[in-house]
Amino acid sequence: MAADSAHASQHSPDGEETRRDFLYLVAGAMGAVGTGAFAWPLINSMNPSADVLALSSTEVDLTPIEVGQSVTVVWRDKPVFIRHRTEDEIAAANDVAINELPDPQTDADRVVKPEWLIVGGNCTHLGCVPLGQKTGDEKGEYDGWFCPCHGSHYDTSGRIRKGPAPLNLPVPPVEFLDDTTIKIG
């Protein structure tokens, strides 16, 4: 009879959960919480550190850049060309037949504001830094940039026009924080 009462306490006759089922659920839940508490620091350690996150974006004050002037800033350890374009440069960029370009893109697709061109400063052929940023630099046949290593010519919108480079100078993610400040990245 004692065996019958022990057996009766383990299983409910109407199929309800017993105390043992509850203990299994609690133990399983505690195991899951313990596993999560152990795994979270490991997973969180794979996130980028604060110094890496700081390099992921760059803010630039455009106020000192005169019309017709170009500057180079660094973003993610690579040069970025910022050019305050003249009306003639904007007009030249817009007066191009898109079907003549090796990597067809309109000027409007490459700029947020027409007077500001912001492009990556590495030639898309082998990664050289093209000339055209400094006063007196060779700017190539299209008055943009010229890569003397292999002869790639870029126009005033940073589009490849002649030479072995297969693609236009890349346009990084740019956001105007106000009229004179941009955030790259």
N, C-alpha and C. Protein backbone atom coordinates (compact mmCIF):
# COMPACT_ATOMS: atom_id res chain seq x y z
N MET A 1 0.80 -1.17 0.00
CA MET A 1 0.00 0.00 0.00
C MET A 1 0.86 1.26 0.00
N ALA A 2 2.01 1.20 0.67
CA ALA A 2 2.91 2.34 0.68
C ALA A 2 3.42 2.63 -0.73
N ALA A 3 3.63 1.57 -1.49
CA ALA A 3 4.08 1.75 -2.86
C ALA A 3 3.00 2.43 -3.68
N ASP A 4 1.76 2.08 -3.41
CA ASP A 4 0.67 2.71 -4.15
C ASP A 4 0.56 4.21 -3.85
N SER A 5 0.78 4.61 -2.58
CA SER A 5 0.68 6.02 -2.24
C SER A 5 1.84 6.81 -2.84
N ALA A 6 3.04 6.21 -2.92
CA ALA A 6 4.18 6.87 -3.56
C ALA A 6 3.92 7.03 -5.04
N HIS A 7 3.37 5.98 -5.62
CA HIS A 7 3.06 6.02 -7.04
C HIS A 7 1.98 7.07 -7.32
N ALA A 8 1.05 7.23 -6.46
CA ALA A 8 -0.04 8.17 -6.64
C ALA A 8 0.47 9.61 -6.53
N SER A 9 1.50 9.84 -5.69
CA SER A 9 1.99 11.21 -5.54
C SER A 9 2.82 11.66 -6.75
N GLN A 10 3.36 10.69 -7.53
CA GLN A 10 4.17 11.05 -8.69
C GLN A 10 3.32 11.36 -9.91
N HIS A 11 2.23 10.75 -10.09
CA HIS A 11 1.38 10.95 -11.26
C HIS A 11 -0.02 11.30 -10.82
N SER A 12 -0.52 12.32 -11.38
CA SER A 12 -1.88 12.75 -11.07
C SER A 12 -2.82 11.92 -11.94
N PRO A 13 -3.91 11.45 -11.39
CA PRO A 13 -4.82 10.62 -12.17
C PRO A 13 -5.50 11.37 -13.30
N ASP A 14 -5.65 12.67 -13.20
CA ASP A 14 -6.33 13.39 -14.27
C ASP A 14 -5.35 14.00 -15.28
N GLY A 15 -4.05 13.65 -15.22
CA GLY A 15 -3.07 14.08 -16.21
C GLY A 15 -2.47 15.45 -15.96
N GLU A 16 -2.69 16.07 -14.81
CA GLU A 16 -2.11 17.37 -14.51
C GLU A 16 -0.62 17.23 -14.22
N GLU A 17 0.09 18.37 -14.25
CA GLU A 17 1.52 18.35 -13.96
C GLU A 17 1.75 18.02 -12.50
N THR A 18 2.84 17.33 -12.27
CA THR A 18 3.18 16.98 -10.89
C THR A 18 4.31 17.86 -10.42
N ARG A 19 4.69 17.69 -9.17
CA ARG A 19 5.79 18.46 -8.60
C ARG A 19 7.09 18.16 -9.34
N ARG A 20 7.32 16.94 -9.75
CA ARG A 20 8.54 16.56 -10.46
C ARG A 20 8.60 17.26 -11.81
N ASP A 21 7.48 17.35 -12.53
CA ASP A 21 7.45 18.08 -13.81
C ASP A 21 7.83 19.54 -13.60
N PHE A 22 7.30 20.14 -12.53
CA PHE A 22 7.64 21.53 -12.21
C PHE A 22 9.12 21.69 -11.93
N LEU A 23 9.70 20.77 -11.19
CA LEU A 23 11.13 20.84 -10.87
C LEU A 23 11.98 20.69 -12.14
N TYR A 24 11.57 19.86 -13.06
CA TYR A 24 12.28 19.72 -14.34
C TYR A 24 12.26 21.04 -15.12
N LEU A 25 11.09 21.70 -15.14
CA LEU A 25 10.97 22.97 -15.84
C LEU A 25 11.84 24.05 -15.19
N VAL A 26 11.82 24.12 -13.87
CA VAL A 26 12.63 25.11 -13.16
C VAL A 26 14.11 24.85 -13.39
N ALA A 27 14.54 23.61 -13.33
CA ALA A 27 15.95 23.27 -13.54
C ALA A 27 16.37 23.61 -14.98
N GLY A 28 15.52 23.32 -15.92
CA GLY A 28 15.83 23.66 -17.32
C GLY A 28 15.93 25.16 -17.54
N ALA A 29 15.01 25.91 -16.93
CA ALA A 29 15.04 27.37 -17.06
C ALA A 29 16.29 27.94 -16.42
N MET A 30 16.66 27.43 -15.26
CA MET A 30 17.87 27.91 -14.59
C MET A 30 19.12 27.57 -15.42
N GLY A 31 19.11 26.41 -16.04
CA GLY A 31 20.23 26.05 -16.93
C GLY A 31 20.33 27.00 -18.12
N ALA A 32 19.19 27.37 -18.70
CA ALA A 32 19.19 28.30 -19.84
C ALA A 32 19.69 29.68 -19.41
N VAL A 33 19.24 30.15 -18.25
CA VAL A 33 19.69 31.45 -17.74
C VAL A 33 21.19 31.41 -17.46
N GLY A 34 21.67 30.33 -16.86
CA GLY A 34 23.11 30.19 -16.58
C GLY A 34 23.94 30.16 -17.85
N THR A 35 23.45 29.46 -18.87
CA THR A 35 24.16 29.41 -20.16
C THR A 35 24.21 30.79 -20.79
N GLY A 36 23.08 31.51 -20.74
CA GLY A 36 23.05 32.87 -21.29
C GLY A 36 23.99 33.80 -20.54
N ALA A 37 24.03 33.68 -19.21
CA ALA A 37 24.92 34.53 -18.41
C ALA A 37 26.38 34.24 -18.72
N PHE A 38 26.70 33.01 -19.04
CA PHE A 38 28.07 32.65 -19.41
C PHE A 38 28.39 33.10 -20.83
N ALA A 39 27.45 32.93 -21.76
CA ALA A 39 27.73 33.20 -23.18
C ALA A 39 27.71 34.69 -23.50
N TRP A 40 26.93 35.51 -22.79
CA TRP A 40 26.82 36.93 -23.14
C TRP A 40 28.16 37.66 -23.14
N PRO A 41 28.98 37.54 -22.10
CA PRO A 41 30.28 38.25 -22.17
C PRO A 41 31.14 37.81 -23.35
N LEU A 42 31.08 36.54 -23.69
CA LEU A 42 31.84 36.05 -24.84
C LEU A 42 31.33 36.67 -26.13
N ILE A 43 30.03 36.70 -26.31
CA ILE A 43 29.44 37.28 -27.52
C ILE A 43 29.69 38.79 -27.55
N ASN A 44 29.54 39.46 -26.42
CA ASN A 44 29.73 40.91 -26.35
C ASN A 44 31.19 41.29 -26.63
N SER A 45 32.12 40.43 -26.33
CA SER A 45 33.54 40.74 -26.59
C SER A 45 33.84 40.79 -28.09
N MET A 46 32.96 40.28 -28.91
CA MET A 46 33.16 40.32 -30.36
C MET A 46 32.72 41.65 -30.97
N ASN A 47 32.05 42.52 -30.22
CA ASN A 47 31.67 43.84 -30.72
C ASN A 47 32.91 44.71 -30.87
N PRO A 48 32.87 45.67 -31.81
CA PRO A 48 34.04 46.55 -31.97
C PRO A 48 34.26 47.41 -30.73
N SER A 49 35.52 47.69 -30.45
CA SER A 49 35.86 48.51 -29.29
C SER A 49 35.53 49.98 -29.56
N ALA A 50 35.59 50.79 -28.52
CA ALA A 50 35.23 52.21 -28.63
C ALA A 50 36.14 52.95 -29.61
N ASP A 51 37.44 52.61 -29.62
CA ASP A 51 38.34 53.31 -30.54
C ASP A 51 38.05 52.95 -31.99
N VAL A 52 37.62 51.73 -32.24
CA VAL A 52 37.25 51.34 -33.60
C VAL A 52 35.96 52.03 -34.01
N LEU A 53 35.00 52.11 -33.11
CA LEU A 53 33.75 52.80 -33.42
C LEU A 53 33.99 54.29 -33.67
N ALA A 54 34.95 54.88 -32.98
CA ALA A 54 35.26 56.29 -33.19
C ALA A 54 35.79 56.52 -34.59
N LEU A 55 36.51 55.56 -35.14
CA LEU A 55 37.05 55.69 -36.49
C LEU A 55 36.00 55.42 -37.57
N SER A 56 34.85 54.88 -37.18
CA SER A 56 33.86 54.51 -38.18
C SER A 56 33.15 55.70 -38.79
N SER A 57 33.28 56.87 -38.18
CA SER A 57 32.71 58.07 -38.77
C SER A 57 33.63 59.25 -38.50
N THR A 58 33.55 60.23 -39.38
CA THR A 58 34.36 61.44 -39.28
C THR A 58 33.47 62.64 -39.55
N GLU A 59 33.55 63.65 -38.70
CA GLU A 59 32.83 64.89 -38.94
C GLU A 59 33.80 65.91 -39.50
N VAL A 60 33.36 66.64 -40.52
CA VAL A 60 34.21 67.62 -41.19
C VAL A 60 33.47 68.95 -41.27
N ASP A 61 34.17 70.02 -40.86
CA ASP A 61 33.64 71.38 -40.99
C ASP A 61 34.02 71.88 -42.37
N LEU A 62 33.02 72.21 -43.17
CA LEU A 62 33.25 72.64 -44.55
C LEU A 62 33.49 74.15 -44.67
N THR A 63 33.32 74.89 -43.60
CA THR A 63 33.42 76.35 -43.64
C THR A 63 34.73 76.85 -44.26
N PRO A 64 35.90 76.31 -43.91
CA PRO A 64 37.14 76.88 -44.47
C PRO A 64 37.43 76.50 -45.92
N ILE A 65 36.63 75.66 -46.54
CA ILE A 65 36.91 75.21 -47.91
C ILE A 65 36.28 76.20 -48.89
N GLU A 66 37.13 76.90 -49.62
CA GLU A 66 36.68 77.91 -50.59
C GLU A 66 36.14 77.23 -51.85
N VAL A 67 35.32 77.95 -52.60
CA VAL A 67 34.82 77.45 -53.88
C VAL A 67 36.02 77.19 -54.79
N GLY A 68 36.07 76.01 -55.40
CA GLY A 68 37.18 75.63 -56.26
C GLY A 68 38.30 74.92 -55.53
N GLN A 69 38.23 74.84 -54.21
CA GLN A 69 39.28 74.21 -53.42
C GLN A 69 38.92 72.77 -53.10
N SER A 70 39.96 71.94 -52.95
CA SER A 70 39.80 70.54 -52.55
C SER A 70 40.61 70.29 -51.30
N VAL A 71 40.09 69.43 -50.44
CA VAL A 71 40.83 69.00 -49.26
C VAL A 71 40.75 67.48 -49.17
N THR A 72 41.69 66.92 -48.44
CA THR A 72 41.70 65.49 -48.20
C THR A 72 41.55 65.25 -46.71
N VAL A 73 40.60 64.39 -46.34
CA VAL A 73 40.44 63.98 -44.95
C VAL A 73 40.64 62.47 -44.90
N VAL A 74 40.79 61.94 -43.70
CA VAL A 74 40.99 60.50 -43.54
C VAL A 74 39.76 59.90 -42.89
N TRP A 75 39.27 58.83 -43.46
CA TRP A 75 38.15 58.07 -42.92
C TRP A 75 38.48 56.59 -43.08
N ARG A 76 38.47 55.86 -41.98
CA ARG A 76 38.83 54.44 -41.97
C ARG A 76 40.21 54.22 -42.56
N ASP A 77 41.13 55.09 -42.21
CA ASP A 77 42.53 55.03 -42.65
C ASP A 77 42.70 55.16 -44.16
N LYS A 78 41.73 55.74 -44.83
CA LYS A 78 41.83 55.95 -46.27
C LYS A 78 41.51 57.41 -46.59
N PRO A 79 42.10 57.94 -47.68
CA PRO A 79 41.82 59.33 -48.02
C PRO A 79 40.42 59.49 -48.61
N VAL A 80 39.81 60.62 -48.28
CA VAL A 80 38.53 61.02 -48.85
C VAL A 80 38.72 62.43 -49.40
N PHE A 81 38.35 62.60 -50.68
CA PHE A 81 38.48 63.89 -51.33
C PHE A 81 37.18 64.68 -51.17
N ILE A 82 37.30 65.91 -50.71
CA ILE A 82 36.15 66.81 -50.61
C ILE A 82 36.46 68.00 -51.50
N ARG A 83 35.62 68.22 -52.49
CA ARG A 83 35.83 69.34 -53.42
C ARG A 83 34.61 70.25 -53.40
N HIS A 84 34.88 71.54 -53.15
CA HIS A 84 33.84 72.57 -53.23
C HIS A 84 33.81 73.03 -54.68
N ARG A 85 32.91 72.46 -55.45
CA ARG A 85 32.92 72.63 -56.89
C ARG A 85 32.42 74.00 -57.33
N THR A 86 33.02 74.46 -58.43
CA THR A 86 32.59 75.71 -59.05
C THR A 86 31.37 75.41 -59.92
N GLU A 87 30.71 76.47 -60.37
CA GLU A 87 29.56 76.30 -61.28
C GLU A 87 30.00 75.61 -62.57
N ASP A 88 31.21 75.94 -63.05
CA ASP A 88 31.71 75.30 -64.27
C ASP A 88 31.95 73.80 -64.06
N GLU A 89 32.47 73.42 -62.90
CA GLU A 89 32.70 71.99 -62.62
C GLU A 89 31.38 71.24 -62.52
N ILE A 90 30.38 71.85 -61.90
CA ILE A 90 29.06 71.22 -61.80
C ILE A 90 28.45 71.07 -63.19
N ALA A 91 28.56 72.12 -64.00
CA ALA A 91 28.02 72.07 -65.37
C ALA A 91 28.73 71.00 -66.19
N ALA A 92 30.06 70.92 -66.06
CA ALA A 92 30.82 69.90 -66.81
C ALA A 92 30.40 68.49 -66.37
N ALA A 93 30.14 68.30 -65.09
CA ALA A 93 29.72 66.99 -64.59
C ALA A 93 28.33 66.62 -65.10
N ASN A 94 27.47 67.61 -65.28
CA ASN A 94 26.12 67.35 -65.75
C ASN A 94 26.01 67.23 -67.26
N ASP A 95 26.99 67.76 -67.99
CA ASP A 95 26.95 67.75 -69.45
C ASP A 95 27.62 66.52 -70.05
N VAL A 96 27.49 65.39 -69.42
CA VAL A 96 28.12 64.15 -69.88
C VAL A 96 27.04 63.17 -70.32
N ALA A 97 27.23 62.59 -71.48
CA ALA A 97 26.31 61.54 -71.93
C ALA A 97 26.60 60.28 -71.10
N ILE A 98 25.63 59.88 -70.31
CA ILE A 98 25.82 58.75 -69.39
C ILE A 98 26.22 57.48 -70.12
N ASN A 99 25.72 57.26 -71.34
CA ASN A 99 26.03 56.04 -72.07
C ASN A 99 27.49 56.00 -72.55
N GLU A 100 28.22 57.12 -72.45
CA GLU A 100 29.64 57.15 -72.82
C GLU A 100 30.55 56.77 -71.66
N LEU A 101 30.01 56.62 -70.48
CA LEU A 101 30.83 56.36 -69.29
C LEU A 101 31.07 54.87 -69.10
N PRO A 102 32.30 54.48 -68.74
CA PRO A 102 32.58 53.06 -68.45
C PRO A 102 31.77 52.54 -67.26
N ASP A 103 31.54 53.40 -66.25
CA ASP A 103 30.75 53.05 -65.07
C ASP A 103 29.65 54.11 -64.97
N PRO A 104 28.52 53.91 -65.69
CA PRO A 104 27.52 54.97 -65.82
C PRO A 104 26.84 55.36 -64.51
N GLN A 105 26.99 56.64 -64.15
CA GLN A 105 26.30 57.23 -63.01
C GLN A 105 26.09 58.70 -63.31
N THR A 106 24.92 59.21 -62.98
CA THR A 106 24.71 60.65 -63.14
C THR A 106 25.40 61.37 -61.99
N ASP A 107 25.66 62.65 -62.20
CA ASP A 107 26.26 63.45 -61.13
C ASP A 107 25.32 63.53 -59.94
N ALA A 108 24.03 63.62 -60.19
CA ALA A 108 23.05 63.71 -59.11
C ALA A 108 23.06 62.48 -58.21
N ASP A 109 23.42 61.31 -58.78
CA ASP A 109 23.50 60.08 -57.99
C ASP A 109 24.73 60.07 -57.08
N ARG A 110 25.67 60.97 -57.33
CA ARG A 110 26.95 60.94 -56.62
C ARG A 110 27.11 62.04 -55.57
N VAL A 111 26.17 62.96 -55.51
CA VAL A 111 26.29 64.09 -54.58
C VAL A 111 25.01 64.26 -53.77
N VAL A 112 25.16 64.83 -52.58
CA VAL A 112 24.00 65.20 -51.77
C VAL A 112 23.61 66.63 -52.12
N LYS A 113 24.63 67.50 -52.18
CA LYS A 113 24.45 68.89 -52.62
C LYS A 113 25.39 69.09 -53.80
N PRO A 114 24.93 69.65 -54.90
CA PRO A 114 25.75 69.73 -56.12
C PRO A 114 27.10 70.42 -55.93
N GLU A 115 27.18 71.40 -55.03
CA GLU A 115 28.44 72.12 -54.88
C GLU A 115 29.50 71.33 -54.10
N TRP A 116 29.09 70.25 -53.44
CA TRP A 116 30.04 69.45 -52.65
C TRP A 116 30.16 68.05 -53.23
N LEU A 117 31.36 67.72 -53.68
CA LEU A 117 31.64 66.35 -54.14
C LEU A 117 32.52 65.70 -53.09
N ILE A 118 32.09 64.55 -52.60
CA ILE A 118 32.83 63.81 -51.58
C ILE A 118 32.99 62.39 -52.08
N VAL A 119 34.26 62.01 -52.37
CA VAL A 119 34.54 60.69 -52.94
C VAL A 119 35.75 60.07 -52.26
N GLY A 120 35.81 58.75 -52.31
CA GLY A 120 36.99 58.04 -51.82
C GLY A 120 38.20 58.42 -52.66
N GLY A 121 39.35 58.54 -52.03
CA GLY A 121 40.54 59.04 -52.70
C GLY A 121 41.51 57.97 -53.15
N ASN A 122 41.04 56.78 -53.48
CA ASN A 122 41.90 55.73 -54.01
C ASN A 122 41.44 55.35 -55.40
N CYS A 123 42.38 55.28 -56.33
CA CYS A 123 42.07 54.85 -57.70
C CYS A 123 41.48 53.45 -57.64
N THR A 124 40.47 53.22 -58.44
CA THR A 124 39.79 51.92 -58.42
C THR A 124 40.53 50.87 -59.24
N HIS A 125 41.68 51.21 -59.80
CA HIS A 125 42.47 50.23 -60.53
C HIS A 125 43.34 49.44 -59.56
N LEU A 126 44.30 50.11 -58.91
CA LEU A 126 45.19 49.41 -57.99
C LEU A 126 45.29 50.09 -56.62
N GLY A 127 44.44 51.08 -56.36
CA GLY A 127 44.41 51.69 -55.04
C GLY A 127 45.36 52.86 -54.83
N CYS A 128 45.99 53.36 -55.89
CA CYS A 128 46.87 54.52 -55.76
C CYS A 128 46.04 55.75 -55.38
N VAL A 129 46.70 56.81 -54.93
CA VAL A 129 46.02 58.06 -54.64
C VAL A 129 46.21 58.98 -55.84
N PRO A 130 45.15 59.29 -56.57
CA PRO A 130 45.28 60.13 -57.77
C PRO A 130 45.68 61.56 -57.44
N LEU A 131 46.28 62.22 -58.41
CA LEU A 131 46.62 63.64 -58.31
C LEU A 131 45.39 64.47 -58.63
N GLY A 132 45.38 65.71 -58.16
CA GLY A 132 44.29 66.62 -58.48
C GLY A 132 43.77 67.35 -57.27
N GLN A 133 44.26 67.04 -56.09
CA GLN A 133 43.79 67.69 -54.88
C GLN A 133 44.51 69.01 -54.62
N LYS A 134 45.79 69.09 -54.96
CA LYS A 134 46.59 70.27 -54.66
C LYS A 134 46.61 71.22 -55.85
N THR A 135 46.81 72.49 -55.56
CA THR A 135 46.96 73.48 -56.62
C THR A 135 48.21 73.13 -57.41
N GLY A 136 48.08 73.09 -58.72
CA GLY A 136 49.22 72.75 -59.58
C GLY A 136 49.32 71.27 -59.91
N ASP A 137 48.52 70.41 -59.26
CA ASP A 137 48.52 68.98 -59.59
C ASP A 137 47.93 68.77 -60.98
N GLU A 138 48.42 67.75 -61.65
CA GLU A 138 47.82 67.30 -62.91
C GLU A 138 46.42 66.77 -62.58
N LYS A 139 45.40 67.29 -63.28
CA LYS A 139 44.02 66.87 -63.02
C LYS A 139 43.46 65.99 -64.13
N GLY A 140 44.28 65.65 -65.10
CA GLY A 140 43.81 64.79 -66.17
C GLY A 140 43.04 65.55 -67.23
N GLU A 141 42.59 64.81 -68.22
CA GLU A 141 41.90 65.41 -69.37
C GLU A 141 40.50 65.93 -69.05
N TYR A 142 39.94 65.53 -67.91
CA TYR A 142 38.56 65.89 -67.60
C TYR A 142 38.46 66.80 -66.37
N ASP A 143 39.61 67.40 -65.98
CA ASP A 143 39.69 68.40 -64.91
C ASP A 143 39.25 67.86 -63.55
N GLY A 144 39.40 66.55 -63.35
CA GLY A 144 39.05 65.96 -62.07
C GLY A 144 40.29 65.47 -61.34
N TRP A 145 40.61 64.19 -61.55
CA TRP A 145 41.79 63.59 -60.94
C TRP A 145 42.50 62.74 -61.98
N PHE A 146 43.79 62.57 -61.76
CA PHE A 146 44.62 61.79 -62.68
C PHE A 146 45.50 60.87 -61.86
N CYS A 147 45.46 59.59 -62.17
CA CYS A 147 46.32 58.62 -61.50
C CYS A 147 47.50 58.33 -62.42
N PRO A 148 48.69 58.85 -62.08
CA PRO A 148 49.84 58.71 -62.98
C PRO A 148 50.41 57.29 -63.03
N CYS A 149 50.04 56.45 -62.12
CA CYS A 149 50.59 55.08 -62.10
C CYS A 149 50.26 54.33 -63.39
N HIS A 150 48.99 54.40 -63.80
CA HIS A 150 48.58 53.68 -65.00
C HIS A 150 47.71 54.52 -65.93
N GLY A 151 47.54 55.81 -65.62
CA GLY A 151 46.88 56.71 -66.54
C GLY A 151 45.37 56.77 -66.48
N SER A 152 44.78 56.57 -65.31
CA SER A 152 43.33 56.71 -65.20
C SER A 152 42.96 58.18 -65.04
N HIS A 153 41.93 58.61 -65.77
CA HIS A 153 41.45 59.99 -65.74
C HIS A 153 40.03 59.99 -65.18
N TYR A 154 39.78 60.85 -64.19
CA TYR A 154 38.46 60.99 -63.58
C TYR A 154 37.94 62.40 -63.85
N ASP A 155 36.63 62.55 -63.96
CA ASP A 155 36.06 63.87 -64.23
C ASP A 155 35.70 64.61 -62.94
N THR A 156 35.01 65.73 -63.06
CA THR A 156 34.69 66.58 -61.91
C THR A 156 33.60 65.98 -61.02
N SER A 157 33.14 64.79 -61.36
CA SER A 157 32.20 64.06 -60.51
C SER A 157 32.86 62.79 -59.96
N GLY A 158 34.16 62.62 -60.23
CA GLY A 158 34.87 61.44 -59.75
C GLY A 158 34.56 60.19 -60.55
N ARG A 159 34.04 60.35 -61.76
CA ARG A 159 33.71 59.19 -62.60
C ARG A 159 34.90 58.87 -63.50
N ILE A 160 35.15 57.60 -63.70
CA ILE A 160 36.24 57.17 -64.58
C ILE A 160 35.85 57.51 -66.01
N ARG A 161 36.79 58.13 -66.72
CA ARG A 161 36.52 58.51 -68.10
C ARG A 161 37.50 57.87 -69.07
N LYS A 162 38.73 57.59 -68.58
CA LYS A 162 39.75 57.04 -69.47
C LYS A 162 40.78 56.32 -68.63
N GLY A 163 41.29 55.21 -69.13
CA GLY A 163 42.32 54.47 -68.42
C GLY A 163 41.84 53.13 -67.93
N PRO A 164 42.70 52.43 -67.21
CA PRO A 164 42.37 51.05 -66.81
C PRO A 164 41.45 50.91 -65.60
N ALA A 165 41.20 51.98 -64.87
CA ALA A 165 40.33 51.86 -63.69
C ALA A 165 38.93 51.41 -64.12
N PRO A 166 38.38 50.39 -63.48
CA PRO A 166 37.08 49.86 -63.92
C PRO A 166 35.87 50.62 -63.36
N LEU A 167 36.05 51.31 -62.24
CA LEU A 167 34.91 51.92 -61.56
C LEU A 167 35.17 53.39 -61.23
N ASN A 168 34.11 54.11 -60.94
CA ASN A 168 34.20 55.50 -60.48
C ASN A 168 34.82 55.52 -59.09
N LEU A 169 35.35 56.69 -58.69
CA LEU A 169 35.79 56.83 -57.30
C LEU A 169 34.57 56.61 -56.42
N PRO A 170 34.69 55.82 -55.36
CA PRO A 170 33.50 55.48 -54.56
C PRO A 170 32.99 56.68 -53.77
N VAL A 171 31.69 56.71 -53.56
CA VAL A 171 31.05 57.74 -52.75
C VAL A 171 30.78 57.14 -51.38
N PRO A 172 31.43 57.67 -50.34
CA PRO A 172 31.18 57.13 -49.00
C PRO A 172 29.81 57.59 -48.49
N PRO A 173 29.30 56.95 -47.44
CA PRO A 173 28.05 57.44 -46.86
C PRO A 173 28.28 58.81 -46.22
N VAL A 174 27.51 59.79 -46.67
CA VAL A 174 27.67 61.18 -46.21
C VAL A 174 26.34 61.72 -45.74
N GLU A 175 26.37 62.43 -44.62
CA GLU A 175 25.18 63.08 -44.08
C GLU A 175 25.54 64.51 -43.72
N PHE A 176 24.73 65.46 -44.17
CA PHE A 176 24.92 66.85 -43.79
C PHE A 176 24.25 67.05 -42.43
N LEU A 177 25.05 67.36 -41.42
CA LEU A 177 24.52 67.61 -40.08
C LEU A 177 23.90 69.00 -40.01
N ASP A 178 24.47 69.93 -40.75
CA ASP A 178 23.91 71.26 -40.95
C ASP A 178 24.50 71.78 -42.26
N ASP A 179 24.36 73.05 -42.55
CA ASP A 179 24.83 73.58 -43.84
C ASP A 179 26.34 73.52 -44.01
N THR A 180 27.10 73.46 -42.92
CA THR A 180 28.56 73.52 -43.01
C THR A 180 29.29 72.34 -42.38
N THR A 181 28.56 71.34 -41.93
CA THR A 181 29.19 70.18 -41.29
C THR A 181 28.65 68.89 -41.88
N ILE A 182 29.58 68.00 -42.23
CA ILE A 182 29.17 66.69 -42.75
C ILE A 182 29.68 65.60 -41.83
N LYS A 183 29.02 64.47 -41.90
CA LYS A 183 29.46 63.27 -41.20
C LYS A 183 29.68 62.21 -42.27
N ILE A 184 30.91 61.70 -42.33
CA ILE A 184 31.24 60.63 -43.27
C ILE A 184 31.23 59.33 -42.48
N GLY A 185 30.46 58.38 -42.95
CA GLY A 185 30.39 57.08 -42.29
C GLY A 185 29.14 56.89 -41.49
